[in-house]
Amino acid sequence: RKVPSRPLSGGGSIPALLMGGDDFSEWFEAAGSGAAIQTFYSYGNGPHIAPQLRRFGRSNVFVSTGIPCGCCGADSPSVEPMNASLAMSYIDRELAELQTGYADLLLFHHRCRTESETASVRE
């Protein structure tokens, strides 16, 4: 069992199917090595997911997560405007909650309010 993946133009690949939620035990068993999950900083479910990642083996899971960038309600950054240091604090907290040193894919959960915020965060 392996989740199909698609090659990326810069090298590497990305799984063709990711599962969202916060109870991935059955997904990990069904998908096998290469299982891919999707979570976001604002979900606050990292502490629930971390033990599952440990049990299945972090190297067997493609982890996609995201941070807020300024668009919407409770998911909005606590400091405005959004900037690179604030983005790094969200990333660091998300990785700490997931108890992993890296994410395989990092996304903005919502768009930034302005092009300049987006450019600042990309740095």
C-alpha atoms as a PDB file:
ATOM      1  CA  ARG A   1       0.000   0.000   0.000  1.00  0.00           C
ATOM      2  CA  LYS A   2       1.292   3.359  -0.941  1.00  0.00           C
ATOM      3  CA  VAL A   3      -0.435   6.635  -1.635  1.00  0.00           C
ATOM      4  CA  PRO A   4       0.229   7.654  -5.242  1.00  0.00           C
ATOM      5  CA  SER A   5       2.387  10.736  -5.626  1.00  0.00           C
ATOM      6  CA  ARG A   6       3.117  13.293  -8.299  1.00  0.00           C
ATOM      7  CA  PRO A   7       6.575  14.597  -9.209  1.00  0.00           C
ATOM      8  CA  LEU A   8       7.431  18.226  -8.527  1.00  0.00           C
ATOM      9  CA  SER A   9       9.269  20.243 -11.157  1.00  0.00           C
ATOM     10  CA  GLY A  10      12.024  21.175  -8.699  1.00  0.00           C
ATOM     11  CA  GLY A  11      12.522  17.574  -7.615  1.00  0.00           C
ATOM     12  CA  GLY A  12      10.825  15.378  -5.063  1.00  0.00           C
ATOM     13  CA  SER A  13       7.160  14.493  -5.097  1.00  0.00           C
ATOM     14  CA  ILE A  14       3.889  15.250  -3.355  1.00  0.00           C
ATOM     15  CA  PRO A  15       1.227  12.711  -2.359  1.00  0.00           C
ATOM     16  CA  ALA A  16      -1.879  12.808  -4.531  1.00  0.00           C
ATOM     17  CA  LEU A  17      -4.153  12.378  -1.498  1.00  0.00           C
ATOM     18  CA  LEU A  18      -3.968  13.977   1.961  1.00  0.00           C
ATOM     19  CA  MET A  19      -6.302  13.314   4.880  1.00  0.00           C
ATOM     20  CA  GLY A  20      -7.496  16.076   7.185  1.00  0.00           C
ATOM     21  CA  GLY A  21      -8.773  15.735  10.729  1.00  0.00           C
ATOM     22  CA  ASP A  22      -7.064  14.782  13.940  1.00  0.00           C
ATOM     23  CA  ASP A  23      -7.436  11.002  14.308  1.00  0.00           C
ATOM     24  CA  PHE A  24      -5.239   9.455  11.663  1.00  0.00           C
ATOM     25  CA  SER A  25      -4.654   5.951  13.101  1.00  0.00           C
ATOM     26  CA  GLU A  26      -6.902   4.182  10.583  1.00  0.00           C
ATOM     27  CA  TRP A  27      -5.641   6.383   7.741  1.00  0.00           C
ATOM     28  CA  PHE A  28      -2.032   5.506   8.541  1.00  0.00           C
ATOM     29  CA  GLU A  29      -2.886   1.803   8.535  1.00  0.00           C
ATOM     30  CA  ALA A  30      -4.880   2.011   5.300  1.00  0.00           C
ATOM     31  CA  ALA A  31      -2.428   4.223   3.398  1.00  0.00           C
ATOM     32  CA  GLY A  32       0.788   2.685   4.674  1.00  0.00           C
ATOM     33  CA  SER A  33       4.128   4.377   4.129  1.00  0.00           C
ATOM     34  CA  GLY A  34       3.632   7.682   2.383  1.00  0.00           C
ATOM     35  CA  ALA A  35       0.411   8.503   4.220  1.00  0.00           C
ATOM     36  CA  ALA A  36      -0.176  12.230   3.991  1.00  0.00           C
ATOM     37  CA  ILE A  37      -1.993  14.448   6.471  1.00  0.00           C
ATOM     38  CA  GLN A  38      -3.228  18.027   6.415  1.00  0.00           C
ATOM     39  CA  THR A  39      -3.522  20.228   9.485  1.00  0.00           C
ATOM     40  CA  PHE A  40      -3.244  23.945  10.261  1.00  0.00           C
ATOM     41  CA  TYR A  41      -1.891  26.019  13.122  1.00  0.00           C
ATOM     42  CA  SER A  42      -5.305  27.401  14.053  1.00  0.00           C
ATOM     43  CA  TYR A  43      -6.822  23.937  14.481  1.00  0.00           C
ATOM     44  CA  GLY A  44      -4.802  23.443  17.680  1.00  0.00           C
ATOM     45  CA  ASN A  45      -4.741  19.678  17.158  1.00  0.00           C
ATOM     46  CA  GLY A  46      -0.949  19.231  17.075  1.00  0.00           C
ATOM     47  CA  PRO A  47      -0.790  17.725  20.589  1.00  0.00           C
ATOM     48  CA  HIS A  48      -3.364  15.102  19.519  1.00  0.00           C
ATOM     49  CA  ILE A  49      -1.553  14.318  16.254  1.00  0.00           C
ATOM     50  CA  ALA A  50       2.006  14.149  17.670  1.00  0.00           C
ATOM     51  CA  PRO A  51       1.631  10.752  19.409  1.00  0.00           C
ATOM     52  CA  GLN A  52       0.114   9.296  16.241  1.00  0.00           C
ATOM     53  CA  LEU A  53       3.095  10.517  14.209  1.00  0.00           C
ATOM     54  CA  ARG A  54       5.451   8.912  16.731  1.00  0.00           C
ATOM     55  CA  ARG A  55       3.585   5.580  16.644  1.00  0.00           C
ATOM     56  CA  PHE A  56       3.498   5.379  12.851  1.00  0.00           C
ATOM     57  CA  GLY A  57       6.949   6.908  12.368  1.00  0.00           C
ATOM     58  CA  ARG A  58       7.422  10.489  11.229  1.00  0.00           C
ATOM     59  CA  SER A  59       9.499   9.373   8.236  1.00  0.00           C
ATOM     60  CA  ASN A  60       6.460   7.416   6.976  1.00  0.00           C
ATOM     61  CA  VAL A  61       4.142  10.444   6.946  1.00  0.00           C
ATOM     62  CA  PHE A  62       4.007  13.463   4.639  1.00  0.00           C
ATOM     63  CA  VAL A  63       2.917  16.361   6.867  1.00  0.00           C
ATOM     64  CA  SER A  64       1.251  19.406   5.356  1.00  0.00           C
ATOM     65  CA  THR A  65       0.397  22.272   7.658  1.00  0.00           C
ATOM     66  CA  GLY A  66      -0.269  25.946   7.389  1.00  0.00           C
ATOM     67  CA  ILE A  67      -0.177  29.225   9.197  1.00  0.00           C
ATOM     68  CA  PRO A  68      -2.560  32.187   9.193  1.00  0.00           C
ATOM     69  CA  CYS A  69      -1.595  35.204   7.206  1.00  0.00           C
ATOM     70  CA  GLY A  70      -4.206  37.776   8.044  1.00  0.00           C
ATOM     71  CA  CYS A  71      -7.521  37.202   6.422  1.00  0.00           C
ATOM     72  CA  CYS A  72     -10.169  35.788   8.604  1.00  0.00           C
ATOM     73  CA  GLY A  73     -11.615  36.074  12.112  1.00  0.00           C
ATOM     74  CA  ALA A  74     -10.131  33.769  14.733  1.00  0.00           C
ATOM     75  CA  ASP A  75      -7.508  32.610  12.249  1.00  0.00           C
ATOM     76  CA  SER A  76      -6.078  36.121  11.912  1.00  0.00           C
ATOM     77  CA  PRO A  77      -2.590  36.807  13.247  1.00  0.00           C
ATOM     78  CA  SER A  78      -2.449  38.280  16.725  1.00  0.00           C
ATOM     79  CA  VAL A  79      -0.185  41.084  15.493  1.00  0.00           C
ATOM     80  CA  GLU A  80      -0.778  43.111  12.388  1.00  0.00           C
ATOM     81  CA  PRO A  81       0.605  43.560   9.861  1.00  0.00           C
ATOM     82  CA  MET A  82       1.836  40.032   9.324  1.00  0.00           C
ATOM     83  CA  ASN A  83       5.625  39.826   8.981  1.00  0.00           C
ATOM     84  CA  ALA A  84       8.404  37.265   8.694  1.00  0.00           C
ATOM     85  CA  SER A  85       9.142  37.040  12.438  1.00  0.00           C
ATOM     86  CA  LEU A  86       5.472  36.506  13.275  1.00  0.00           C
ATOM     87  CA  ALA A  87       5.232  33.850  10.561  1.00  0.00           C
ATOM     88  CA  MET A  88       8.277  32.075  12.032  1.00  0.00           C
ATOM     89  CA  SER A  89       6.683  32.125  15.486  1.00  0.00           C
ATOM     90  CA  TYR A  90       3.559  30.413  14.075  1.00  0.00           C
ATOM     91  CA  ILE A  91       5.719  27.845  12.274  1.00  0.00           C
ATOM     92  CA  ASP A  92       7.834  27.168  15.371  1.00  0.00           C
ATOM     93  CA  ARG A  93       4.744  26.713  17.563  1.00  0.00           C
ATOM     94  CA  GLU A  94       3.054  24.421  15.044  1.00  0.00           C
ATOM     95  CA  LEU A  95       6.155  22.227  14.704  1.00  0.00           C
ATOM     96  CA  ALA A  96       6.538  22.113  18.496  1.00  0.00           C
ATOM     97  CA  GLU A  97       2.924  21.006  18.914  1.00  0.00           C
ATOM     98  CA  LEU A  98       3.375  18.331  16.245  1.00  0.00           C
ATOM     99  CA  GLN A  99       6.685  17.375  17.904  1.00  0.00           C
ATOM    100  CA  THR A 100       8.526  17.339  14.598  1.00  0.00           C
ATOM    101  CA  GLY A 101      11.423  19.348  13.261  1.00  0.00           C
ATOM    102  CA  TYR A 102       9.940  19.937   9.828  1.00  0.00           C
ATOM    103  CA  ALA A 103       6.809  20.069   7.699  1.00  0.00           C
ATOM    104  CA  ASP A 104       6.900  18.584   4.222  1.00  0.00           C
ATOM    105  CA  LEU A 105       4.583  21.292   2.904  1.00  0.00           C
ATOM    106  CA  LEU A 106       3.838  24.663   4.489  1.00  0.00           C
ATOM    107  CA  LEU A 107       0.856  26.720   3.305  1.00  0.00           C
ATOM    108  CA  PHE A 108      -0.931  29.931   4.170  1.00  0.00           C
ATOM    109  CA  HIS A 109      -4.301  28.930   5.643  1.00  0.00           C
ATOM    110  CA  HIS A 110      -5.756  32.152   4.278  1.00  0.00           C
ATOM    111  CA  ARG A 111      -4.375  34.810   2.005  1.00  0.00           C
ATOM    112  CA  CYS A 112      -2.447  37.724   3.432  1.00  0.00           C
ATOM    113  CA  ARG A 113      -4.240  41.065   3.466  1.00  0.00           C
ATOM    114  CA  THR A 114      -1.770  42.769   1.134  1.00  0.00           C
ATOM    115  CA  GLU A 115       0.913  41.904  -1.386  1.00  0.00           C
ATOM    116  CA  SER A 116       3.526  43.498   0.874  1.00  0.00           C
ATOM    117  CA  GLU A 117       2.509  41.238   3.788  1.00  0.00           C
ATOM    118  CA  THR A 118       2.762  38.207   1.500  1.00  0.00           C
ATOM    119  CA  ALA A 119       6.213  39.307   0.295  1.00  0.00           C
ATOM    120  CA  SER A 120       7.383  39.906   3.880  1.00  0.00           C
ATOM    121  CA  VAL A 121       6.247  36.479   5.032  1.00  0.00           C
ATOM    122  CA  ARG A 122       7.819  34.678   2.047  1.00  0.00           C
ATOM    123  CA  GLU A 123      11.233  36.015   3.057  1.00  0.00           C
END
